[in-house]
Amino acid sequence: MALRALRACMVCSIVQPQSKFSREGCPNCEEFLELRGNQDSIGEATSQVFEGLITLSDPLGSWVAKWQRLQDYVPGTYAIKVVGVLPDDYVSAAENAGVKYIPRDGSNIEDEA
């Protein structure tokens, strides 16, 4: 598969082919992003520009998952950084669903005590 066909969700950073986002949506964020079958939403809420890949089989037990804030997500392949700006409508939808949106581009690094 060509890497150009891969996209990363700007909310959870899962990496999938664009066709899978279209067919199944985001396995972590579909409830509020509603990507399934919506090419415009896929273009706005996912990015082709990302850095590094992490493959998680046990998000709850992985220190890497904790470090990347992925412990509550499904097993899969995730980007370390996702470049792009999530439109305000999607940020609001995430927050209305109880998901605190933290940009995955490294611009909002939180200090952990």
PDB file of N, CA and C in Angstrom:
ATOM      1  N   MET A   1       0.842  -1.181   0.000  1.00  0.00           N
ATOM      2  CA  MET A   1       0.000   0.000   0.000  1.00  0.00           C
ATOM      3  C   MET A   1       0.887   1.245   0.000  1.00  0.00           C
ATOM      4  N   ALA A   2       0.525   2.208  -0.779  1.00  0.00           N
ATOM      5  CA  ALA A   2       1.279   3.458  -0.850  1.00  0.00           C
ATOM      6  C   ALA A   2       1.041   4.276   0.412  1.00  0.00           C
ATOM      7  N   LEU A   3       2.106   4.853   0.938  1.00  0.00           N
ATOM      8  CA  LEU A   3       1.975   5.676   2.140  1.00  0.00           C
ATOM      9  C   LEU A   3       1.081   6.886   1.904  1.00  0.00           C
ATOM     10  N   ARG A   4       0.991   7.337   0.648  1.00  0.00           N
ATOM     11  CA  ARG A   4       0.131   8.488   0.346  1.00  0.00           C
ATOM     12  C   ARG A   4      -1.328   8.203   0.646  1.00  0.00           C
ATOM     13  N   ALA A   5      -1.721   6.944   0.651  1.00  0.00           N
ATOM     14  CA  ALA A   5      -3.113   6.599   0.905  1.00  0.00           C
ATOM     15  C   ALA A   5      -3.428   6.598   2.395  1.00  0.00           C
ATOM     16  N   LEU A   6      -2.396   6.703   3.254  1.00  0.00           N
ATOM     17  CA  LEU A   6      -2.614   6.679   4.691  1.00  0.00           C
ATOM     18  C   LEU A   6      -2.950   8.064   5.224  1.00  0.00           C
ATOM     19  N   ARG A   7      -3.834   8.077   6.219  1.00  0.00           N
ATOM     20  CA  ARG A   7      -4.215   9.327   6.877  1.00  0.00           C
ATOM     21  C   ARG A   7      -4.252   9.065   8.377  1.00  0.00           C
ATOM     22  N   ALA A   8      -4.053  10.119   9.146  1.00  0.00           N
ATOM     23  CA  ALA A   8      -4.100  10.022  10.605  1.00  0.00           C
ATOM     24  C   ALA A   8      -5.228  10.899  11.131  1.00  0.00           C
ATOM     25  N   CYS A   9      -6.000  10.354  12.052  1.00  0.00           N
ATOM     26  CA  CYS A   9      -7.066  11.116  12.696  1.00  0.00           C
ATOM     27  C   CYS A   9      -6.434  12.228  13.531  1.00  0.00           C
ATOM     28  N   MET A  10      -6.943  13.436  13.409  1.00  0.00           N
ATOM     29  CA  MET A  10      -6.380  14.561  14.160  1.00  0.00           C
ATOM     30  C   MET A  10      -6.784  14.547  15.628  1.00  0.00           C
ATOM     31  N   VAL A  11      -7.764  13.736  15.998  1.00  0.00           N
ATOM     32  CA  VAL A  11      -8.168  13.657  17.399  1.00  0.00           C
ATOM     33  C   VAL A  11      -7.394  12.560  18.119  1.00  0.00           C
ATOM     34  N   CYS A  12      -7.428  11.329  17.598  1.00  0.00           N
ATOM     35  CA  CYS A  12      -6.796  10.207  18.309  1.00  0.00           C
ATOM     36  C   CYS A  12      -5.464   9.773  17.711  1.00  0.00           C
ATOM     37  N   SER A  13      -5.152  10.186  16.507  1.00  0.00           N
ATOM     38  CA  SER A  13      -3.916   9.907  15.757  1.00  0.00           C
ATOM     39  C   SER A  13      -3.825   8.502  15.165  1.00  0.00           C
ATOM     40  N   ILE A  14      -4.921   7.732  15.138  1.00  0.00           N
ATOM     41  CA  ILE A  14      -4.856   6.416  14.497  1.00  0.00           C
ATOM     42  C   ILE A  14      -4.589   6.615  13.004  1.00  0.00           C
ATOM     43  N   VAL A  15      -3.778   5.722  12.443  1.00  0.00           N
ATOM     44  CA  VAL A  15      -3.405   5.793  11.030  1.00  0.00           C
ATOM     45  C   VAL A  15      -4.091   4.646  10.297  1.00  0.00           C
ATOM     46  N   GLN A  16      -4.793   4.997   9.224  1.00  0.00           N
ATOM     47  CA  GLN A  16      -5.503   4.017   8.393  1.00  0.00           C
ATOM     48  C   GLN A  16      -5.498   4.508   6.951  1.00  0.00           C
ATOM     49  N   PRO A  17      -5.736   3.607   6.019  1.00  0.00           N
ATOM     50  CA  PRO A  17      -5.937   4.056   4.638  1.00  0.00           C
ATOM     51  C   PRO A  17      -7.195   4.929   4.559  1.00  0.00           C
ATOM     52  N   GLN A  18      -7.182   5.884   3.654  1.00  0.00           N
ATOM     53  CA  GLN A  18      -8.353   6.732   3.468  1.00  0.00           C
ATOM     54  C   GLN A  18      -9.590   5.889   3.193  1.00  0.00           C
ATOM     55  N   SER A  19      -9.429   4.795   2.436  1.00  0.00           N
ATOM     56  CA  SER A  19     -10.572   3.943   2.105  1.00  0.00           C
ATOM     57  C   SER A  19     -11.189   3.309   3.352  1.00  0.00           C
ATOM     58  N   LYS A  20     -10.372   2.999   4.367  1.00  0.00           N
ATOM     59  CA  LYS A  20     -10.908   2.413   5.601  1.00  0.00           C
ATOM     60  C   LYS A  20     -11.652   3.468   6.418  1.00  0.00           C
ATOM     61  N   PHE A  21     -11.125   4.707   6.453  1.00  0.00           N
ATOM     62  CA  PHE A  21     -11.874   5.782   7.113  1.00  0.00           C
ATOM     63  C   PHE A  21     -13.226   5.945   6.420  1.00  0.00           C
ATOM     64  N   SER A  22     -13.246   5.847   5.098  1.00  0.00           N
ATOM     65  CA  SER A  22     -14.488   6.006   4.351  1.00  0.00           C
ATOM     66  C   SER A  22     -15.459   4.851   4.607  1.00  0.00           C
ATOM     67  N   ARG A  23     -14.924   3.635   4.642  1.00  0.00           N
ATOM     68  CA  ARG A  23     -15.749   2.441   4.836  1.00  0.00           C
ATOM     69  C   ARG A  23     -16.236   2.286   6.275  1.00  0.00           C
ATOM     70  N   GLU A  24     -15.321   2.513   7.253  1.00  0.00           N
ATOM     71  CA  GLU A  24     -15.636   2.186   8.640  1.00  0.00           C
ATOM     72  C   GLU A  24     -15.593   3.378   9.593  1.00  0.00           C
ATOM     73  N   GLY A  25     -15.045   4.499   9.145  1.00  0.00           N
ATOM     74  CA  GLY A  25     -14.879   5.641  10.032  1.00  0.00           C
ATOM     75  C   GLY A  25     -13.684   5.446  10.950  1.00  0.00           C
ATOM     76  N   CYS A  26     -13.569   6.274  11.953  1.00  0.00           N
ATOM     77  CA  CYS A  26     -12.486   6.176  12.938  1.00  0.00           C
ATOM     78  C   CYS A  26     -12.944   5.261  14.072  1.00  0.00           C
ATOM     79  N   PRO A  27     -12.157   4.232  14.405  1.00  0.00           N
ATOM     80  CA  PRO A  27     -12.598   3.297  15.445  1.00  0.00           C
ATOM     81  C   PRO A  27     -12.681   3.924  16.842  1.00  0.00           C
ATOM     82  N   ASN A  28     -12.048   5.072  17.037  1.00  0.00           N
ATOM     83  CA  ASN A  28     -12.081   5.742  18.334  1.00  0.00           C
ATOM     84  C   ASN A  28     -13.017   6.945  18.369  1.00  0.00           C
ATOM     85  N   CYS A  29     -13.189   7.604  17.246  1.00  0.00           N
ATOM     86  CA  CYS A  29     -13.855   8.919  17.228  1.00  0.00           C
ATOM     87  C   CYS A  29     -15.096   8.984  16.341  1.00  0.00           C
ATOM     88  N   GLU A  30     -15.522   7.877  15.784  1.00  0.00           N
ATOM     89  CA  GLU A  30     -16.629   7.892  14.822  1.00  0.00           C
ATOM     90  C   GLU A  30     -17.902   8.479  15.413  1.00  0.00           C
ATOM     91  N   GLU A  31     -18.119   8.236  16.686  1.00  0.00           N
ATOM     92  CA  GLU A  31     -19.337   8.708  17.357  1.00  0.00           C
ATOM     93  C   GLU A  31     -19.550  10.211  17.164  1.00  0.00           C
ATOM     94  N   PHE A  32     -18.473  10.993  17.157  1.00  0.00           N
ATOM     95  CA  PHE A  32     -18.650  12.441  17.022  1.00  0.00           C
ATOM     96  C   PHE A  32     -18.042  13.024  15.753  1.00  0.00           C
ATOM     97  N   LEU A  33     -17.070  12.334  15.117  1.00  0.00           N
ATOM     98  CA  LEU A  33     -16.506  12.857  13.867  1.00  0.00           C
ATOM     99  C   LEU A  33     -17.352  12.487  12.654  1.00  0.00           C
ATOM    100  N   GLU A  34     -18.014  11.323  12.701  1.00  0.00           N
ATOM    101  CA  GLU A  34     -18.897  10.867  11.616  1.00  0.00           C
ATOM    102  C   GLU A  34     -18.183  10.882  10.262  1.00  0.00           C
ATOM    103  N   LEU A  35     -17.057  10.155  10.202  1.00  0.00           N
ATOM    104  CA  LEU A  35     -16.260  10.110   8.978  1.00  0.00           C
ATOM    105  C   LEU A  35     -16.774   9.098   7.960  1.00  0.00           C
ATOM    106  N   ARG A  36     -17.434   8.040   8.415  1.00  0.00           N
ATOM    107  CA  ARG A  36     -17.867   6.957   7.526  1.00  0.00           C
ATOM    108  C   ARG A  36     -18.661   7.498   6.348  1.00  0.00           C
ATOM    109  N   GLY A  37     -18.147   7.251   5.150  1.00  0.00           N
ATOM    110  CA  GLY A  37     -18.838   7.651   3.930  1.00  0.00           C
ATOM    111  C   GLY A  37     -18.819   9.138   3.637  1.00  0.00           C
ATOM    112  N   ASN A  38     -18.035   9.915   4.369  1.00  0.00           N
ATOM    113  CA  ASN A  38     -18.051  11.367   4.197  1.00  0.00           C
ATOM    114  C   ASN A  38     -16.644  11.870   3.850  1.00  0.00           C
ATOM    115  N   GLN A  39     -16.354  11.974   2.557  1.00  0.00           N
ATOM    116  CA  GLN A  39     -15.018  12.378   2.108  1.00  0.00           C
ATOM    117  C   GLN A  39     -14.636  13.782   2.589  1.00  0.00           C
ATOM    118  N   ASP A  40     -15.603  14.700   2.671  1.00  0.00           N
ATOM    119  CA  ASP A  40     -15.301  16.054   3.150  1.00  0.00           C
ATOM    120  C   ASP A  40     -14.830  16.011   4.604  1.00  0.00           C
ATOM    121  N   SER A  41     -15.525  15.256   5.443  1.00  0.00           N
ATOM    122  CA  SER A  41     -15.138  15.150   6.850  1.00  0.00           C
ATOM    123  C   SER A  41     -13.789  14.456   6.992  1.00  0.00           C
ATOM    124  N   ILE A  42     -13.543  13.429   6.187  1.00  0.00           N
ATOM    125  CA  ILE A  42     -12.248  12.749   6.231  1.00  0.00           C
ATOM    126  C   ILE A  42     -11.136  13.740   5.892  1.00  0.00           C
ATOM    127  N   GLY A  43     -11.365  14.575   4.887  1.00  0.00           N
ATOM    128  CA  GLY A  43     -10.374  15.576   4.503  1.00  0.00           C
ATOM    129  C   GLY A  43     -10.139  16.625   5.572  1.00  0.00           C
ATOM    130  N   GLU A  44     -11.164  16.933   6.359  1.00  0.00           N
ATOM    131  CA  GLU A  44     -11.046  17.973   7.380  1.00  0.00           C
ATOM    132  C   GLU A  44     -10.543  17.456   8.723  1.00  0.00           C
ATOM    133  N   ALA A  45     -10.868  16.212   9.088  1.00  0.00           N
ATOM    134  CA  ALA A  45     -10.555  15.697  10.430  1.00  0.00           C
ATOM    135  C   ALA A  45      -9.397  14.699  10.448  1.00  0.00           C
ATOM    136  N   THR A  46      -8.841  14.393   9.273  1.00  0.00           N
ATOM    137  CA  THR A  46      -7.662  13.532   9.211  1.00  0.00           C
ATOM    138  C   THR A  46      -6.589  14.265   8.404  1.00  0.00           C
ATOM    139  N   SER A  47      -5.356  13.786   8.506  1.00  0.00           N
ATOM    140  CA  SER A  47      -4.250  14.436   7.813  1.00  0.00           C
ATOM    141  C   SER A  47      -3.357  13.405   7.145  1.00  0.00           C
ATOM    142  N   GLN A  48      -2.835  13.761   5.979  1.00  0.00           N
ATOM    143  CA  GLN A  48      -1.851  12.918   5.304  1.00  0.00           C
ATOM    144  C   GLN A  48      -0.452  13.199   5.835  1.00  0.00           C
ATOM    145  N   VAL A  49      -0.305  14.245   6.651  1.00  0.00           N
ATOM    146  CA  VAL A  49       1.000  14.660   7.144  1.00  0.00           C
ATOM    147  C   VAL A  49       1.127  14.272   8.613  1.00  0.00           C
ATOM    148  N   PHE A  50       1.962  13.279   8.868  1.00  0.00           N
ATOM    149  CA  PHE A  50       2.182  12.822  10.242  1.00  0.00           C
ATOM    150  C   PHE A  50       3.597  12.293  10.364  1.00  0.00           C
ATOM    151  N   GLU A  51       4.072  12.177  11.616  1.00  0.00           N
ATOM    152  CA  GLU A  51       5.429  11.719  11.881  1.00  0.00           C
ATOM    153  C   GLU A  51       5.396  10.505  12.795  1.00  0.00           C
ATOM    154  N   GLY A  52       6.265   9.552  12.501  1.00  0.00           N
ATOM    155  CA  GLY A  52       6.447   8.392  13.363  1.00  0.00           C
ATOM    156  C   GLY A  52       5.225   7.516  13.473  1.00  0.00           C
ATOM    157  N   LEU A  53       5.438   6.238  13.678  1.00  0.00           N
ATOM    158  CA  LEU A  53       4.335   5.302  13.841  1.00  0.00           C
ATOM    159  C   LEU A  53       4.582   4.440  15.074  1.00  0.00           C
ATOM    160  N   ILE A  54       3.518   4.176  15.808  1.00  0.00           N
ATOM    161  CA  ILE A  54       3.534   3.292  16.965  1.00  0.00           C
ATOM    162  C   ILE A  54       2.461   2.243  16.721  1.00  0.00           C
ATOM    163  N   THR A  55       2.801   0.990  16.909  1.00  0.00           N
ATOM    164  CA  THR A  55       1.798  -0.062  16.813  1.00  0.00           C
ATOM    165  C   THR A  55       1.501  -0.547  18.219  1.00  0.00           C
ATOM    166  N   LEU A  56       0.244  -0.445  18.628  1.00  0.00           N
ATOM    167  CA  LEU A  56      -0.158  -0.838  19.979  1.00  0.00           C
ATOM    168  C   LEU A  56      -1.051  -2.065  19.937  1.00  0.00           C
ATOM    169  N   SER A  57      -0.668  -3.074  20.708  1.00  0.00           N
ATOM    170  CA  SER A  57      -1.532  -4.245  20.840  1.00  0.00           C
ATOM    171  C   SER A  57      -2.243  -4.239  22.193  1.00  0.00           C
ATOM    172  N   ASP A  58      -1.670  -3.536  23.183  1.00  0.00           N
ATOM    173  CA  ASP A  58      -2.246  -3.474  24.529  1.00  0.00           C
ATOM    174  C   ASP A  58      -2.188  -2.034  25.039  1.00  0.00           C
ATOM    175  N   PRO A  59      -3.087  -1.167  24.543  1.00  0.00           N
ATOM    176  CA  PRO A  59      -3.043   0.241  24.938  1.00  0.00           C
ATOM    177  C   PRO A  59      -3.120   0.472  26.450  1.00  0.00           C
ATOM    178  N   LEU A  60      -3.845  -0.375  27.184  1.00  0.00           N
ATOM    179  CA  LEU A  60      -3.970  -0.164  28.629  1.00  0.00           C
ATOM    180  C   LEU A  60      -2.688  -0.483  29.381  1.00  0.00           C
ATOM    181  N   GLY A  61      -1.894  -1.433  28.877  1.00  0.00           N
ATOM    182  CA  GLY A  61      -0.695  -1.846  29.586  1.00  0.00           C
ATOM    183  C   GLY A  61       0.585  -1.226  29.070  1.00  0.00           C
ATOM    184  N   SER A  62       0.514  -0.394  28.079  1.00  0.00           N
ATOM    185  CA  SER A  62       1.704   0.124  27.416  1.00  0.00           C
ATOM    186  C   SER A  62       2.111   1.491  27.963  1.00  0.00           C
ATOM    187  N   TRP A  63       3.383   1.632  28.334  1.00  0.00           N
ATOM    188  CA  TRP A  63       3.864   2.955  28.770  1.00  0.00           C
ATOM    189  C   TRP A  63       3.888   3.914  27.584  1.00  0.00           C
ATOM    190  N   VAL A  64       4.119   3.396  26.382  1.00  0.00           N
ATOM    191  CA  VAL A  64       4.106   4.254  25.190  1.00  0.00           C
ATOM    192  C   VAL A  64       2.699   4.814  24.962  1.00  0.00           C
ATOM    193  N   ALA A  65       1.692   3.965  25.173  1.00  0.00           N
ATOM    194  CA  ALA A  65       0.305   4.438  25.035  1.00  0.00           C
ATOM    195  C   ALA A  65       0.007   5.535  26.054  1.00  0.00           C
ATOM    196  N   LYS A  66       0.503   5.369  27.275  1.00  0.00           N
ATOM    197  CA  LYS A  66       0.290   6.407  28.300  1.00  0.00           C
ATOM    198  C   LYS A  66       1.001   7.699  27.885  1.00  0.00           C
ATOM    199  N   TRP A  67       2.234   7.567  27.435  1.00  0.00           N
ATOM    200  CA  TRP A  67       3.038   8.715  27.002  1.00  0.00           C
ATOM    201  C   TRP A  67       2.346   9.476  25.872  1.00  0.00           C
ATOM    202  N   GLN A  68       1.706   8.750  24.950  1.00  0.00           N
ATOM    203  CA  GLN A  68       1.040   9.367  23.796  1.00  0.00           C
ATOM    204  C   GLN A  68      -0.454   9.632  24.036  1.00  0.00           C
ATOM    205  N   ARG A  69      -0.942   9.380  25.242  1.00  0.00           N
ATOM    206  CA  ARG A  69      -2.358   9.550  25.584  1.00  0.00           C
ATOM    207  C   ARG A  69      -3.246   8.685  24.684  1.00  0.00           C
ATOM    208  N   LEU A  70      -2.894   7.398  24.589  1.00  0.00           N
ATOM    209  CA  LEU A  70      -3.638   6.470  23.734  1.00  0.00           C
ATOM    210  C   LEU A  70      -4.276   5.323  24.524  1.00  0.00           C
ATOM    211  N   GLN A  71      -4.184   5.356  25.864  1.00  0.00           N
ATOM    212  CA  GLN A  71      -4.629   4.212  26.642  1.00  0.00           C
ATOM    213  C   GLN A  71      -6.104   3.869  26.478  1.00  0.00           C
ATOM    214  N   ASP A  72      -6.934   4.824  26.125  1.00  0.00           N
ATOM    215  CA  ASP A  72      -8.367   4.564  26.011  1.00  0.00           C
ATOM    216  C   ASP A  72      -8.798   4.181  24.597  1.00  0.00           C
ATOM    217  N   TYR A  73      -7.838   3.965  23.717  1.00  0.00           N
ATOM    218  CA  TYR A  73      -8.157   3.696  22.316  1.00  0.00           C
ATOM    219  C   TYR A  73      -7.969   2.235  21.945  1.00  0.00           C
ATOM    220  N   VAL A  74      -8.472   1.870  20.774  1.00  0.00           N
ATOM    221  CA  VAL A  74      -8.380   0.490  20.291  1.00  0.00           C
ATOM    222  C   VAL A  74      -6.941   0.175  19.880  1.00  0.00           C
ATOM    223  N   PRO A  75      -6.561  -1.112  19.913  1.00  0.00           N
ATOM    224  CA  PRO A  75      -5.249  -1.485  19.380  1.00  0.00           C
ATOM    225  C   PRO A  75      -5.162  -1.077  17.914  1.00  0.00           C
ATOM    226  N   GLY A  76      -3.965  -0.705  17.480  1.00  0.00           N
ATOM    227  CA  GLY A  76      -3.788  -0.302  16.086  1.00  0.00           C
ATOM    228  C   GLY A  76      -2.486   0.442  15.904  1.00  0.00           C
ATOM    229  N   THR A  77      -2.360   1.115  14.773  1.00  0.00           N
ATOM    230  CA  THR A  77      -1.170   1.899  14.441  1.00  0.00           C
ATOM    231  C   THR A  77      -1.505   3.372  14.586  1.00  0.00           C
ATOM    232  N   TYR A  78      -0.664   4.084  15.319  1.00  0.00           N
ATOM    233  CA  TYR A  78      -0.898   5.493  15.631  1.00  0.00           C
ATOM    234  C   TYR A  78       0.303   6.335  15.237  1.00  0.00           C
ATOM    235  N   ALA A  79       0.046   7.577  14.851  1.00  0.00           N
ATOM    236  CA  ALA A  79       1.112   8.526  14.547  1.00  0.00           C
ATOM    237  C   ALA A  79       1.585   9.173  15.848  1.00  0.00           C
ATOM    238  N   ILE A  80       2.875   9.497  15.915  1.00  0.00           N
ATOM    239  CA  ILE A  80       3.408  10.213  17.071  1.00  0.00           C
ATOM    240  C   ILE A  80       2.981  11.671  17.019  1.00  0.00           C
ATOM    241  N   LYS A  81       3.050  12.282  15.838  1.00  0.00           N
ATOM    242  CA  LYS A  81       2.588  13.654  15.639  1.00  0.00           C
ATOM    243  C   LYS A  81       1.719  13.693  14.393  1.00  0.00           C
ATOM    244  N   VAL A  82       0.653  14.479  14.443  1.00  0.00           N
ATOM    245  CA  VAL A  82      -0.236  14.662  13.299  1.00  0.00           C
ATOM    246  C   VAL A  82      -0.278  16.157  13.004  1.00  0.00           C
ATOM    247  N   VAL A  83       0.085  16.522  11.791  1.00  0.00           N
ATOM    248  CA  VAL A  83       0.120  17.925  11.393  1.00  0.00           C
ATOM    249  C   VAL A  83      -1.233  18.309  10.795  1.00  0.00           C
ATOM    250  N   GLY A  84      -1.777  19.412  11.274  1.00  0.00           N
ATOM    251  CA  GLY A  84      -3.046  19.895  10.749  1.00  0.00           C
ATOM    252  C   GLY A  84      -3.833  20.598  11.836  1.00  0.00           C
ATOM    253  N   VAL A  85      -4.800  21.371  11.418  1.00  0.00           N
ATOM    254  CA  VAL A  85      -5.654  22.107  12.351  1.00  0.00           C
ATOM    255  C   VAL A  85      -7.070  21.549  12.241  1.00  0.00           C
ATOM    256  N   LEU A  86      -7.561  21.025  13.351  1.00  0.00           N
ATOM    257  CA  LEU A  86      -8.923  20.493  13.380  1.00  0.00           C
ATOM    258  C   LEU A  86      -9.908  21.655  13.416  1.00  0.00           C
ATOM    259  N   PRO A  87     -10.847  21.704  12.455  1.00  0.00           N
ATOM    260  CA  PRO A  87     -11.831  22.797  12.446  1.00  0.00           C
ATOM    261  C   PRO A  87     -12.630  22.859  13.753  1.00  0.00           C
ATOM    262  N   ASP A  88     -13.029  24.058  14.119  1.00  0.00           N
ATOM    263  CA  ASP A  88     -13.739  24.298  15.376  1.00  0.00           C
ATOM    264  C   ASP A  88     -14.987  23.434  15.534  1.00  0.00           C
ATOM    265  N   ASP A  89     -15.692  23.153  14.440  1.00  0.00           N
ATOM    266  CA  ASP A  89     -16.903  22.319  14.516  1.00  0.00           C
ATOM    267  C   ASP A  89     -16.582  20.949  15.087  1.00  0.00           C
ATOM    268  N   TYR A  90     -15.446  20.379  14.681  1.00  0.00           N
ATOM    269  CA  TYR A  90     -15.047  19.054  15.152  1.00  0.00           C
ATOM    270  C   TYR A  90     -14.538  19.106  16.587  1.00  0.00           C
ATOM    271  N   VAL A  91     -13.852  20.193  16.936  1.00  0.00           N
ATOM    272  CA  VAL A  91     -13.403  20.374  18.323  1.00  0.00           C
ATOM    273  C   VAL A  91     -14.628  20.422  19.233  1.00  0.00           C
ATOM    274  N   SER A  92     -15.639  21.177  18.839  1.00  0.00           N
ATOM    275  CA  SER A  92     -16.878  21.269  19.619  1.00  0.00           C
ATOM    276  C   SER A  92     -17.575  19.924  19.716  1.00  0.00           C
ATOM    277  N   ALA A  93     -17.626  19.195  18.608  1.00  0.00           N
ATOM    278  CA  ALA A  93     -18.270  17.878  18.609  1.00  0.00           C
ATOM    279  C   ALA A  93     -17.549  16.931  19.564  1.00  0.00           C
ATOM    280  N   ALA A  94     -16.217  16.967  19.560  1.00  0.00           N
ATOM    281  CA  ALA A  94     -15.435  16.111  20.465  1.00  0.00           C
ATOM    282  C   ALA A  94     -15.741  16.478  21.913  1.00  0.00           C
ATOM    283  N   GLU A  95     -15.695  17.763  22.218  1.00  0.00           N
ATOM    284  CA  GLU A  95     -15.930  18.196  23.594  1.00  0.00           C
ATOM    285  C   GLU A  95     -17.359  17.904  24.049  1.00  0.00           C
ATOM    286  N   ASN A  96     -18.313  18.018  23.136  1.00  0.00           N
ATOM    287  CA  ASN A  96     -19.702  17.672  23.467  1.00  0.00           C
ATOM    288  C   ASN A  96     -19.851  16.182  23.743  1.00  0.00           C
ATOM    289  N   ALA A  97     -18.957  15.359  23.165  1.00  0.00           N
ATOM    290  CA  ALA A  97     -18.974  13.917  23.397  1.00  0.00           C
ATOM    291  C   ALA A  97     -18.127  13.536  24.617  1.00  0.00           C
ATOM    292  N   GLY A  98     -17.607  14.544  25.319  1.00  0.00           N
ATOM    293  CA  GLY A  98     -16.824  14.279  26.514  1.00  0.00           C
ATOM    294  C   GLY A  98     -15.356  13.995  26.260  1.00  0.00           C
ATOM    295  N   VAL A  99     -14.870  14.302  25.049  1.00  0.00           N
ATOM    296  CA  VAL A  99     -13.472  14.077  24.690  1.00  0.00           C
ATOM    297  C   VAL A  99     -12.748  15.415  24.708  1.00  0.00           C
ATOM    298  N   LYS A 100     -11.731  15.534  25.562  1.00  0.00           N
ATOM    299  CA  LYS A 100     -10.943  16.762  25.611  1.00  0.00           C
ATOM    300  C   LYS A 100      -9.974  16.721  24.441  1.00  0.00           C
ATOM    301  N   TYR A 101     -10.146  17.625  23.495  1.00  0.00           N
ATOM    302  CA  TYR A 101      -9.282  17.653  22.316  1.00  0.00           C
ATOM    303  C   TYR A 101      -7.945  18.290  22.666  1.00  0.00           C
ATOM    304  N   ILE A 102      -6.876  17.551  22.412  1.00  0.00           N
ATOM    305  CA  ILE A 102      -5.513  18.054  22.575  1.00  0.00           C
ATOM    306  C   ILE A 102      -4.834  17.871  21.225  1.00  0.00           C
ATOM    307  N   PRO A 103      -4.402  18.966  20.592  1.00  0.00           N
ATOM    308  CA  PRO A 103      -3.751  18.830  19.282  1.00  0.00           C
ATOM    309  C   PRO A 103      -2.613  17.803  19.327  1.00  0.00           C
ATOM    310  N   ARG A 104      -2.498  17.015  18.290  1.00  0.00           N
ATOM    311  CA  ARG A 104      -1.506  15.949  18.227  1.00  0.00           C
ATOM    312  C   ARG A 104      -0.282  16.371  17.421  1.00  0.00           C
ATOM    313  N   ASP A 105      -0.096  17.696  17.247  1.00  0.00           N
ATOM    314  CA  ASP A 105       1.042  18.157  16.457  1.00  0.00           C
ATOM    315  C   ASP A 105       2.215  18.607  17.322  1.00  0.00           C
ATOM    316  N   GLY A 106       2.093  18.408  18.637  1.00  0.00           N
ATOM    317  CA  GLY A 106       3.175  18.783  19.539  1.00  0.00           C
ATOM    318  C   GLY A 106       3.127  20.226  19.970  1.00  0.00           C
ATOM    319  N   SER A 107       2.124  20.996  19.522  1.00  0.00           N
ATOM    320  CA  SER A 107       2.053  22.424  19.852  1.00  0.00           C
ATOM    321  C   SER A 107       1.495  22.680  21.242  1.00  0.00           C
ATOM    322  N   ASN A 108       0.885  21.658  21.836  1.00  0.00           N
ATOM    323  CA  ASN A 108       0.236  21.847  23.137  1.00  0.00           C
ATOM    324  C   ASN A 108       0.737  20.780  24.105  1.00  0.00           C
ATOM    325  N   ILE A 109       2.048  20.729  24.300  1.00  0.00           N
ATOM    326  CA  ILE A 109       2.634  19.726  25.187  1.00  0.00           C
ATOM    327  C   ILE A 109       2.249  20.054  26.623  1.00  0.00           C
ATOM    328  N   GLU A 110       1.680  19.069  27.301  1.00  0.00           N
ATOM    329  CA  GLU A 110       1.296  19.265  28.697  1.00  0.00           C
ATOM    330  C   GLU A 110       2.393  18.720  29.592  1.00  0.00           C
ATOM    331  N   ASP A 111       2.679  19.442  30.655  1.00  0.00           N
ATOM    332  CA  ASP A 111       3.635  18.956  31.635  1.00  0.00           C
ATOM    333  C   ASP A 111       2.904  18.001  32.568  1.00  0.00           C
ATOM    334  N   GLU A 112       3.483  16.823  32.744  1.00  0.00           N
ATOM    335  CA  GLU A 112       2.873  15.862  33.660  1.00  0.00           C
ATOM    336  C   GLU A 112       3.662  15.845  34.946  1.00  0.00           C
ATOM    337  N   ALA A 113       2.966  15.991  36.056  1.00  0.00           N
ATOM    338  CA  ALA A 113       3.646  16.026  37.356  1.00  0.00           C
ATOM    339  C   ALA A 113       3.800  14.635  37.910  1.00  0.00           C
TER     340      ALA A 113
END
